[in-house]
C-alpha atoms as a PDB file:
ATOM      1  CA  MET A   1     127.293 307.683  91.263  1.00  0.00           C
ATOM      2  CA  ALA A   2     124.944 305.177  91.368  1.00  0.00           C
ATOM      3  CA  ASN A   3     124.977 302.272  89.162  1.00  0.00           C
ATOM      4  CA  ASP A   4     122.527 303.549  87.131  1.00  0.00           C
ATOM      5  CA  ASP A   5     124.671 306.269  86.094  1.00  0.00           C
ATOM      6  CA  PHE A   6     126.802 303.873  84.071  1.00  0.00           C
ATOM      7  CA  PRO A   7     124.598 301.918  81.660  1.00  0.00           C
ATOM      8  CA  LEU A   8     127.347 299.597  80.359  1.00  0.00           C
ATOM      9  CA  ALA A   9     125.020 296.355  80.672  1.00  0.00           C
ATOM     10  CA  GLU A  10     122.365 298.533  78.548  1.00  0.00           C
ATOM     11  CA  LEU A  11     124.856 299.745  75.916  1.00  0.00           C
ATOM     12  CA  THR A  12     126.876 296.310  75.515  1.00  0.00           C
ATOM     13  CA  THR A  13     123.470 294.420  75.123  1.00  0.00           C
ATOM     14  CA  ALA A  14     122.274 297.027  72.482  1.00  0.00           C
ATOM     15  CA  LEU A  15     125.573 296.792  70.460  1.00  0.00           C
ATOM     16  CA  MET A  16     125.315 292.862  70.428  1.00  0.00           C
ATOM     17  CA  ARG A  17     121.630 292.905  69.539  1.00  0.00           C
ATOM     18  CA  ASP A  18     122.270 295.624  66.544  1.00  0.00           C
ATOM     19  CA  VAL A  19     125.357 293.604  65.373  1.00  0.00           C
ATOM     20  CA  PHE A  20     123.552 290.443  65.407  1.00  0.00           C
ATOM     21  CA  LYS A  21     120.646 291.848  63.474  1.00  0.00           C
ATOM     22  CA  ALA A  22     122.870 293.600  60.958  1.00  0.00           C
ATOM     23  CA  ILE A  23     124.840 290.121  60.421  1.00  0.00           C
ATOM     24  CA  THR A  24     121.506 288.194  60.041  1.00  0.00           C
ATOM     25  CA  ASP A  25     119.992 290.621  57.700  1.00  0.00           C
ATOM     26  CA  SER A  26     122.995 290.973  55.414  1.00  0.00           C
ATOM     27  CA  ALA A  27     123.065 287.012  55.103  1.00  0.00           C
ATOM     28  CA  MET A  28     119.369 286.862  54.411  1.00  0.00           C
ATOM     29  CA  GLU A  29     119.604 289.627  51.976  1.00  0.00           C
ATOM     30  CA  GLN A  30     122.302 287.763  49.880  1.00  0.00           C
ATOM     31  CA  SER A  31     120.419 284.670  50.029  1.00  0.00           C
ATOM     32  CA  GLU A  32     117.235 286.356  48.834  1.00  0.00           C
ATOM     33  CA  THR A  33     119.246 288.165  46.256  1.00  0.00           C
ATOM     34  CA  PHE A  34     120.545 284.946  44.850  1.00  0.00           C
ATOM     35  CA  VAL A  35     117.177 283.146  44.796  1.00  0.00           C
ATOM     36  CA  THR A  36     115.309 286.144  43.188  1.00  0.00           C
ATOM     37  CA  LEU A  37     118.052 286.275  40.462  1.00  0.00           C
ATOM     38  CA  ALA A  38     118.097 282.341  39.813  1.00  0.00           C
ATOM     39  CA  SER A  39     114.379 282.461  39.530  1.00  0.00           C
ATOM     40  CA  GLN A  40     114.143 285.435  37.281  1.00  0.00           C
ATOM     41  CA  VAL A  41     116.771 283.997  34.885  1.00  0.00           C
ATOM     42  CA  GLY A  42     115.395 280.255  35.321  1.00  0.00           C
ATOM     43  CA  VAL A  43     113.074 280.709  32.031  1.00  0.00           C
ATOM     44  CA  PRO A  44     113.937 281.136  28.425  1.00  0.00           C
ATOM     45  CA  LEU A  45     115.073 284.404  26.884  1.00  0.00           C
ATOM     46  CA  GLU A  46     111.641 285.247  25.486  1.00  0.00           C
ATOM     47  CA  ALA A  47     109.737 284.939  28.576  1.00  0.00           C
ATOM     48  CA  TYR A  48     112.221 287.065  30.388  1.00  0.00           C
ATOM     49  CA  GLN A  49     112.045 289.790  27.832  1.00  0.00           C
ATOM     50  CA  ALA A  50     108.057 289.469  28.352  1.00  0.00           C
ATOM     51  CA  ARG A  51     108.506 290.522  31.693  1.00  0.00           C
ATOM     52  CA  LEU A  52     109.729 294.027  30.740  1.00  0.00           C
ATOM     53  CA  VAL A  53     107.990 294.323  27.544  1.00  0.00           C
ATOM     54  CA  GLY A  54     104.772 292.803  27.630  1.00  0.00           C
ATOM     55  CA  ASN A  55     103.281 289.398  26.969  1.00  0.00           C
ATOM     56  CA  THR A  56     100.429 290.343  24.773  1.00  0.00           C
ATOM     57  CA  PRO A  57     100.056 293.552  22.122  1.00  0.00           C
ATOM     58  CA  ALA A  58      98.149 295.624  24.348  1.00  0.00           C
ATOM     59  CA  GLU A  59     100.611 295.348  27.026  1.00  0.00           C
ATOM     60  CA  GLN A  60     103.348 296.021  24.730  1.00  0.00           C
ATOM     61  CA  ALA A  61     101.504 299.049  23.296  1.00  0.00           C
ATOM     62  CA  GLN A  62     101.002 300.239  26.838  1.00  0.00           C
ATOM     63  CA  THR A  63     104.672 299.907  27.618  1.00  0.00           C
ATOM     64  CA  ALA A  64     105.704 301.890  24.586  1.00  0.00           C
ATOM     65  CA  GLY A  65     103.292 304.640  25.069  1.00  0.00           C
ATOM     66  CA  ARG A  66     104.545 305.337  28.737  1.00  0.00           C
ATOM     67  CA  TYR A  67     108.175 305.175  27.470  1.00  0.00           C
ATOM     68  CA  VAL A  68     107.399 307.788  24.813  1.00  0.00           C
ATOM     69  CA  ARG A  69     105.610 309.909  27.192  1.00  0.00           C
ATOM     70  CA  GLU A  70     108.107 309.608  30.170  1.00  0.00           C
ATOM     71  CA  ILE A  71     111.559 309.455  28.033  1.00  0.00           C
ATOM     72  CA  VAL A  72     111.329 310.068  24.165  1.00  0.00           C
ATOM     73  CA  LEU A  73     108.948 313.432  24.349  1.00  0.00           C
ATOM     74  CA  PRO A  74     111.200 315.175  27.235  1.00  0.00           C
ATOM     75  CA  LEU A  75     114.249 313.866  24.932  1.00  0.00           C
ATOM     76  CA  LEU A  76     112.680 315.941  22.153  1.00  0.00           C
ATOM     77  CA  ALA A  77     111.803 318.954  24.334  1.00  0.00           C
ATOM     78  CA  LEU A  78     107.979 318.305  23.058  1.00  0.00           C
ATOM     79  CA  PRO A  79     104.967 319.019  25.429  1.00  0.00           C
ATOM     80  CA  VAL A  80     103.763 315.771  27.175  1.00  0.00           C
ATOM     81  CA  PRO A  81      99.799 315.414  27.025  1.00  0.00           C
ATOM     82  CA  VAL A  82      97.924 314.421  29.679  1.00  0.00           C
ATOM     83  CA  ALA A  83      97.319 310.609  30.385  1.00  0.00           C
ATOM     84  CA  SER A  84      93.833 310.639  28.886  1.00  0.00           C
ATOM     85  CA  ALA A  85      94.914 312.400  25.881  1.00  0.00           C
ATOM     86  CA  PRO A  86      96.245 310.529  22.715  1.00  0.00           C
ATOM     87  CA  LEU A  87      99.798 311.122  21.512  1.00  0.00           C
ATOM     88  CA  PRO A  88     100.124 312.966  18.217  1.00  0.00           C
ATOM     89  CA  GLU A  89     100.467 310.494  15.186  1.00  0.00           C
ATOM     90  CA  PHE A  90     103.559 312.478  14.027  1.00  0.00           C
ATOM     91  CA  LEU A  91     106.191 314.183  15.902  1.00  0.00           C
ATOM     92  CA  LEU A  92     108.018 317.321  14.725  1.00  0.00           C
ATOM     93  CA  PHE A  93     111.300 318.223  16.289  1.00  0.00           C
ATOM     94  CA  GLY A  94     114.515 320.116  15.564  1.00  0.00           C
ATOM     95  CA  SER A  95     118.036 319.279  14.699  1.00  0.00           C
ATOM     96  CA  ALA A  96     119.305 319.149  18.323  1.00  0.00           C
ATOM     97  CA  ALA A  97     116.518 316.852  19.095  1.00  0.00           C
ATOM     98  CA  ARG A  98     117.168 314.670  16.202  1.00  0.00           C
ATOM     99  CA  GLN A  99     120.839 314.111  17.432  1.00  0.00           C
ATOM    100  CA  LEU A 100     119.441 313.238  21.067  1.00  0.00           C
ATOM    101  CA  LEU A 101     117.306 310.823  19.542  1.00  0.00           C
ATOM    102  CA  VAL A 102     119.665 309.162  17.439  1.00  0.00           C
ATOM    103  CA  ASP A 103     121.969 308.945  20.340  1.00  0.00           C
ATOM    104  CA  HIS A 104     119.328 307.294  22.532  1.00  0.00           C
ATOM    105  CA  PHE A 105     118.468 304.458  19.762  1.00  0.00           C
ATOM    106  CA  ARG A 106     121.888 303.956  18.514  1.00  0.00           C
ATOM    107  CA  GLY A 107     122.709 300.465  17.905  1.00  0.00           C
ATOM    108  CA  VAL A 108     118.949 299.439  17.942  1.00  0.00           C
ATOM    109  CA  ILE A 109     117.671 297.523  15.101  1.00  0.00           C
ATOM    110  CA  ALA A 110     113.593 297.401  14.756  1.00  0.00           C
ATOM    111  CA  ALA A 111     111.582 295.656  12.166  1.00  0.00           C
ATOM    112  CA  ILE A 112     109.635 298.609  10.728  1.00  0.00           C
ATOM    113  CA  LYS A 113     106.274 297.498   8.852  1.00  0.00           C
ATOM    114  CA  ARG A 114     104.778 299.473   6.049  1.00  0.00           C
ATOM    115  CA  PRO A 115     101.291 299.250   4.769  1.00  0.00           C
ATOM    116  CA  GLY A 116     101.145 296.362   2.058  1.00  0.00           C
ATOM    117  CA  ALA A 117     104.718 295.531   2.599  1.00  0.00           C
ATOM    118  CA  PRO A 118     106.625 293.022   4.854  1.00  0.00           C
ATOM    119  CA  ALA A 119     108.685 294.156   7.856  1.00  0.00           C
ATOM    120  CA  VAL A 120     111.993 295.641   7.318  1.00  0.00           C
ATOM    121  CA  GLU A 121     114.670 296.022   9.802  1.00  0.00           C
ATOM    122  CA  ARG A 122     115.891 299.748  10.122  1.00  0.00           C
ATOM    123  CA  ALA A 123     117.963 301.820  12.211  1.00  0.00           C
ATOM    124  CA  ILE A 124     116.695 304.791  13.876  1.00  0.00           C
ATOM    125  CA  GLU A 125     118.323 307.155  11.114  1.00  0.00           C
ATOM    126  CA  ASP A 126     115.883 305.491   8.831  1.00  0.00           C
ATOM    127  CA  VAL A 127     112.566 306.495  10.216  1.00  0.00           C
ATOM    128  CA  ILE A 128     113.530 310.185  10.879  1.00  0.00           C
ATOM    129  CA  VAL A 129     112.654 312.150   7.818  1.00  0.00           C
ATOM    130  CA  PRO A 130     112.766 315.959   6.896  1.00  0.00           C
ATOM    131  CA  THR A 131     109.759 317.924   7.125  1.00  0.00           C
ATOM    132  CA  GLY A 132     110.742 320.950   4.957  1.00  0.00           C
ATOM    133  CA  GLU A 133     109.659 323.282   7.932  1.00  0.00           C
ATOM    134  CA  SER A 134     112.307 325.838   9.335  1.00  0.00           C
ATOM    135  CA  SER A 135     110.863 325.501  12.938  1.00  0.00           C
ATOM    136  CA  ALA A 136     110.681 321.593  13.057  1.00  0.00           C
ATOM    137  CA  PRO A 137     112.737 320.268  10.146  1.00  0.00           C
ATOM    138  CA  TRP A 138     112.590 316.869  11.331  1.00  0.00           C
ATOM    139  CA  GLY A 139     109.929 314.404  11.938  1.00  0.00           C
ATOM    140  CA  ALA A 140     109.091 310.735  12.839  1.00  0.00           C
ATOM    141  CA  ARG A 141     105.914 308.436  12.937  1.00  0.00           C
ATOM    142  CA  LEU A 142     104.851 307.498  16.638  1.00  0.00           C
ATOM    143  CA  ASP A 143     104.297 303.916  15.620  1.00  0.00           C
ATOM    144  CA  ALA A 144     107.820 303.874  14.147  1.00  0.00           C
ATOM    145  CA  LEU A 145     109.267 305.323  17.458  1.00  0.00           C
ATOM    146  CA  GLU A 146     107.191 302.803  19.793  1.00  0.00           C
ATOM    147  CA  THR A 147     108.707 299.852  17.490  1.00  0.00           C
ATOM    148  CA  PHE A 148     112.103 301.403  18.264  1.00  0.00           C
ATOM    149  CA  VAL A 149     111.122 301.596  22.133  1.00  0.00           C
ATOM    150  CA  LEU A 150     110.118 297.884  22.339  1.00  0.00           C
ATOM    151  CA  ALA A 151     113.247 296.778  20.339  1.00  0.00           C
ATOM    152  CA  ARG A 152     115.528 298.992  22.666  1.00  0.00           C
ATOM    153  CA  LEU A 153     113.944 297.178  26.041  1.00  0.00           C
ATOM    154  CA  ALA A 154     114.087 293.954  24.240  1.00  0.00           C
ATOM    155  CA  ARG A 155     117.761 294.608  23.885  1.00  0.00           C
ATOM    156  CA  GLN A 156     118.390 295.750  27.301  1.00  0.00           C
ATOM    157  CA  ALA A 157     116.668 292.726  28.667  1.00  0.00           C
ATOM    158  CA  ALA A 158     118.587 290.194  26.855  1.00  0.00           C
ATOM    159  CA  ASP A 159     121.719 292.011  27.892  1.00  0.00           C
ATOM    160  CA  SER A 160     120.636 291.753  31.385  1.00  0.00           C
ATOM    161  CA  TYR A 161     119.339 288.121  31.000  1.00  0.00           C
ATOM    162  CA  ALA A 162     123.194 287.251  29.511  1.00  0.00           C
ATOM    163  CA  ARG A 163     124.892 288.802  32.489  1.00  0.00           C
ATOM    164  CA  LEU A 164     122.665 287.356  35.195  1.00  0.00           C
ATOM    165  CA  ASN A 165     123.365 284.036  33.776  1.00  0.00           C
ATOM    166  CA  ALA A 166     127.131 284.436  33.479  1.00  0.00           C
ATOM    167  CA  LEU A 167     127.234 285.906  37.163  1.00  0.00           C
ATOM    168  CA  LEU A 168     125.244 282.815  38.408  1.00  0.00           C
ATOM    169  CA  LYS A 169     127.519 280.288  36.568  1.00  0.00           C
ATOM    170  CA  THR A 170     130.495 281.633  37.812  1.00  0.00           C
ATOM    171  CA  GLY A 171     129.397 282.077  41.483  1.00  0.00           C
ATOM    172  CA  MET A 172     127.661 285.200  42.842  1.00  0.00           C
ATOM    173  CA  PRO A 173     129.964 286.803  45.505  1.00  0.00           C
ATOM    174  CA  SER A 174     128.898 286.184  49.249  1.00  0.00           C
ATOM    175  CA  ILE A 175     130.453 287.901  52.204  1.00  0.00           C
ATOM    176  CA  ALA A 176     130.524 285.785  55.555  1.00  0.00           C
ATOM    177  CA  ILE A 177     131.521 286.957  59.037  1.00  0.00           C
ATOM    178  CA  THR A 178     134.233 284.893  60.709  1.00  0.00           C
ATOM    179  CA  GLY A 179     135.033 286.785  63.872  1.00  0.00           C
ATOM    180  CA  GLY A 180     135.211 289.889  65.513  1.00  0.00           C
ATOM    181  CA  GLN A 181     135.227 292.075  69.000  1.00  0.00           C
ATOM    182  CA  LEU A 182     132.554 293.966  70.740  1.00  0.00           C
ATOM    183  CA  SER A 183     133.758 296.535  73.575  1.00  0.00           C
ATOM    184  CA  THR A 184     132.432 299.254  75.720  1.00  0.00           C
ATOM    185  CA  LYS A 185     134.237 301.491  77.760  1.00  0.00           C
ATOM    186  CA  VAL A 186     133.386 304.650  80.256  1.00  0.00           C
ATOM    187  CA  THR A 187     135.381 307.830  80.099  1.00  0.00           C
ATOM    188  CA  MET A 188     135.344 310.408  82.640  1.00  0.00           C
ATOM    189  CA  GLN A 189     136.904 313.574  82.389  1.00  0.00           C
ATOM    190  CA  VAL A 190     137.185 316.026  85.294  1.00  0.00           C
ATOM    191  CA  THR A 191     138.117 319.792  84.732  1.00  0.00           C
ATOM    192  CA  GLN A 192     138.673 322.338  87.754  1.00  0.00           C
ATOM    193  CA  PRO A 193     138.929 325.931  86.732  1.00  0.00           C
ATOM    194  CA  ALA A 194     141.837 328.161  88.159  1.00  0.00           C
ATOM    195  CA  PRO A 195     140.878 329.294  91.963  1.00  0.00           C
ATOM    196  CA  VAL A 196     139.176 332.577  92.466  1.00  0.00           C
ATOM    197  CA  LEU A 197     140.997 334.777  94.674  1.00  0.00           C
ATOM    198  CA  PRO A 198     139.408 337.637  96.896  1.00  0.00           C
ATOM    199  CA  GLN A 199     140.231 341.295  95.799  1.00  0.00           C
ATOM    200  CA  ALA A 200     142.593 342.990  98.089  1.00  0.00           C
ATOM    201  CA  VAL A 201     141.416 345.827 100.470  1.00  0.00           C
ATOM    202  CA  PHE A 202     143.236 349.094 100.489  1.00  0.00           C
ATOM    203  CA  PHE A 203     143.353 350.611 103.906  1.00  0.00           C
ATOM    204  CA  GLN A 204     144.072 354.228 104.199  1.00  0.00           C
ATOM    205  CA  PRO A 205     144.933 355.065 108.148  1.00  0.00           C
ATOM    206  CA  PRO A 206     143.450 358.326 109.278  1.00  0.00           C
ATOM    207  CA  PRO A 207     145.479 361.169 110.590  1.00  0.00           C
ATOM    208  CA  THR A 208     145.094 359.780 114.599  1.00  0.00           C
ATOM    209  CA  ASN A 209     147.500 359.172 117.091  1.00  0.00           C
ATOM    210  CA  VAL A 210     146.423 355.490 117.217  1.00  0.00           C
ATOM    211  CA  GLY A 211     149.018 353.128 115.918  1.00  0.00           C
ATOM    212  CA  LEU A 212     148.948 352.233 112.149  1.00  0.00           C
ATOM    213  CA  ALA A 213     149.497 348.432 112.877  1.00  0.00           C
ATOM    214  CA  ALA A 214     146.689 348.264 115.441  1.00  0.00           C
ATOM    215  CA  ARG A 215     144.181 349.809 113.213  1.00  0.00           C
ATOM    216  CA  ALA A 216     145.322 347.784 110.211  1.00  0.00           C
ATOM    217  CA  SER A 217     144.926 344.534 112.620  1.00  0.00           C
ATOM    218  CA  SER A 218     141.308 345.467 113.908  1.00  0.00           C
ATOM    219  CA  LEU A 219     140.177 346.130 110.412  1.00  0.00           C
ATOM    220  CA  ALA A 220     141.576 343.511 108.397  1.00  0.00           C
ATOM    221  CA  THR A 221     138.643 341.103 109.402  1.00  0.00           C
ATOM    222  CA  LEU A 222     136.184 343.334 107.901  1.00  0.00           C
ATOM    223  CA  PRO A 223     134.819 341.686 104.396  1.00  0.00           C
ATOM    224  CA  VAL A 224     135.000 345.187 102.699  1.00  0.00           C
ATOM    225  CA  ILE A 225     136.077 345.160  98.810  1.00  0.00           C
ATOM    226  CA  LEU A 226     136.636 348.449  97.398  1.00  0.00           C
ATOM    227  CA  PRO A 227     136.371 348.993  93.767  1.00  0.00           C
ATOM    228  CA  ALA A 228     139.021 350.099  91.646  1.00  0.00           C
ATOM    229  CA  ALA A 229     137.632 353.397  91.054  1.00  0.00           C
ATOM    230  CA  THR A 230     137.419 354.242  94.673  1.00  0.00           C
ATOM    231  CA  ARG A 231     140.615 353.274  96.096  1.00  0.00           C
ATOM    232  CA  PRO A 232     142.724 356.153  98.071  1.00  0.00           C
ATOM    233  CA  SER A 233     145.160 357.986  95.803  1.00  0.00           C
ATOM    234  CA  THR A 234     147.259 359.175  98.649  1.00  0.00           C
ATOM    235  CA  GLN A 235     150.757 357.735  98.955  1.00  0.00           C
ATOM    236  CA  THR A 236     150.334 356.201 102.567  1.00  0.00           C
ATOM    237  CA  ALA A 237     148.156 353.207 101.764  1.00  0.00           C
ATOM    238  CA  VAL A 238     148.575 349.692 103.239  1.00  0.00           C
ATOM    239  CA  LEU A 239     147.572 346.555 101.363  1.00  0.00           C
ATOM    240  CA  VAL A 240     145.412 344.210 104.039  1.00  0.00           C
ATOM    241  CA  ARG A 241     143.918 341.089 103.012  1.00  0.00           C
ATOM    242  CA  VAL A 242     140.914 339.717 105.009  1.00  0.00           C
ATOM    243  CA  ALA A 243     141.538 337.067 107.560  1.00  0.00           C
ATOM    244  CA  ASN A 244     139.133 334.316 106.352  1.00  0.00           C
ATOM    245  CA  GLU A 245     140.433 334.458 103.004  1.00  0.00           C
ATOM    246  CA  ARG A 246     140.143 331.137 100.775  1.00  0.00           C
ATOM    247  CA  SER A 247     140.593 329.966  97.308  1.00  0.00           C
ATOM    248  CA  LEU A 248     137.377 329.062  95.517  1.00  0.00           C
ATOM    249  CA  ALA A 249     137.170 326.384  92.935  1.00  0.00           C
ATOM    250  CA  LEU A 250     134.252 324.520  91.292  1.00  0.00           C
ATOM    251  CA  THR A 251     134.844 320.758  89.960  1.00  0.00           C
ATOM    252  CA  ARG A 252     133.017 319.684  86.661  1.00  0.00           C
ATOM    253  CA  SER A 253     132.994 316.007  85.510  1.00  0.00           C
ATOM    254  CA  ASN A 254     131.826 314.611  82.075  1.00  0.00           C
ATOM    255  CA  LEU A 255     130.658 311.121  81.539  1.00  0.00           C
ATOM    256  CA  GLU A 256     130.965 309.396  78.107  1.00  0.00           C
ATOM    257  CA  LEU A 257     129.771 305.947  77.107  1.00  0.00           C
ATOM    258  CA  VAL A 258     132.067 304.599  73.932  1.00  0.00           C
ATOM    259  CA  GLY A 259     131.152 301.553  72.324  1.00  0.00           C
ATOM    260  CA  SER A 260     132.976 299.729  69.216  1.00  0.00           C
ATOM    261  CA  VAL A 261     132.489 296.788  67.160  1.00  0.00           C
ATOM    262  CA  THR A 262     135.481 295.177  64.932  1.00  0.00           C
ATOM    263  CA  LEU A 263     134.305 292.270  62.542  1.00  0.00           C
ATOM    264  CA  ASP A 264     136.437 289.877  60.352  1.00  0.00           C
ATOM    265  CA  PHE A 265     135.048 288.637  57.209  1.00  0.00           C
ATOM    266  CA  ARG A 266     135.643 286.577  54.172  1.00  0.00           C
ATOM    267  CA  VAL A 267     134.360 286.857  50.575  1.00  0.00           C
ATOM    268  CA  SER A 268     133.317 283.805  48.937  1.00  0.00           C
ATOM    269  CA  SER A 269     130.698 282.867  46.409  1.00  0.00           C
ATOM    270  CA  PHE A 270     127.391 280.989  46.211  1.00  0.00           C
ATOM    271  CA  PRO A 271     127.899 277.615  44.381  1.00  0.00           C
ATOM    272  CA  PRO A 272     127.961 277.893  40.427  1.00  0.00           C
ATOM    273  CA  LEU A 273     124.449 277.569  39.207  1.00  0.00           C
ATOM    274  CA  ASP A 274     122.973 277.272  35.640  1.00  0.00           C
ATOM    275  CA  PRO A 275     119.196 278.489  36.033  1.00  0.00           C
ATOM    276  CA  ARG A 276     118.037 277.145  32.833  1.00  0.00           C
ATOM    277  CA  THR A 277     119.270 273.427  33.671  1.00  0.00           C
ATOM    278  CA  SER A 278     118.372 273.377  37.337  1.00  0.00           C
ATOM    279  CA  THR A 279     114.459 274.374  36.757  1.00  0.00           C
END
């Protein structure tokens, strides 16, 4: 075969290029993640929460309304209005939906405002009221649910803020490649089927005075192969093989290029960092 049939150089080059790219991309991704996390929590908690909840009352109302449409209404098995339609001011739902709503906002405390009264911290069970209707025995005001939505998002942001700070202070994990091995090889498999033998010729000597051996010898070179169904059925049959008989065989080869990579690595960590004191 020509050298082009064995692209070992191309395979080795491709493996080296892909391995180098994977190692470089992994290192860059780890560094970018570290920098992103450090920059996200390098602000006061209130600013971090505002990124998720919203900075202005209009942004917070938009965030709460989207949350109610995408999560609360499906949770209560209520129809979701089109984006341009306003949400109902009072939501009606059944007992099963009430339990799902309680579980969703469990542990969340929200400051609920009443007209002419100061805000009071409430749990979700405090804003769900009976309606007296058999089809929808429970209900809640939309503004109260939106307040719980903002309180839940702010709580989740605070938990994320604390976890990220703790991760950065203790040292964010990092994986470094310390060594490895790259290898390529060619595997060739050669197969040879069983030889194909010509079929024997059955010769029935005619009833003449010529010697049987002479006739068998003269006809032995005839390339005649009789089907099994036409073989003579008499008792005096002579088995004759053609003189130029050969064993036929075909050779088949399969070529396979194989590449393998083995990498050694160690797990370390980025230097501990307190984002709030380093910005």
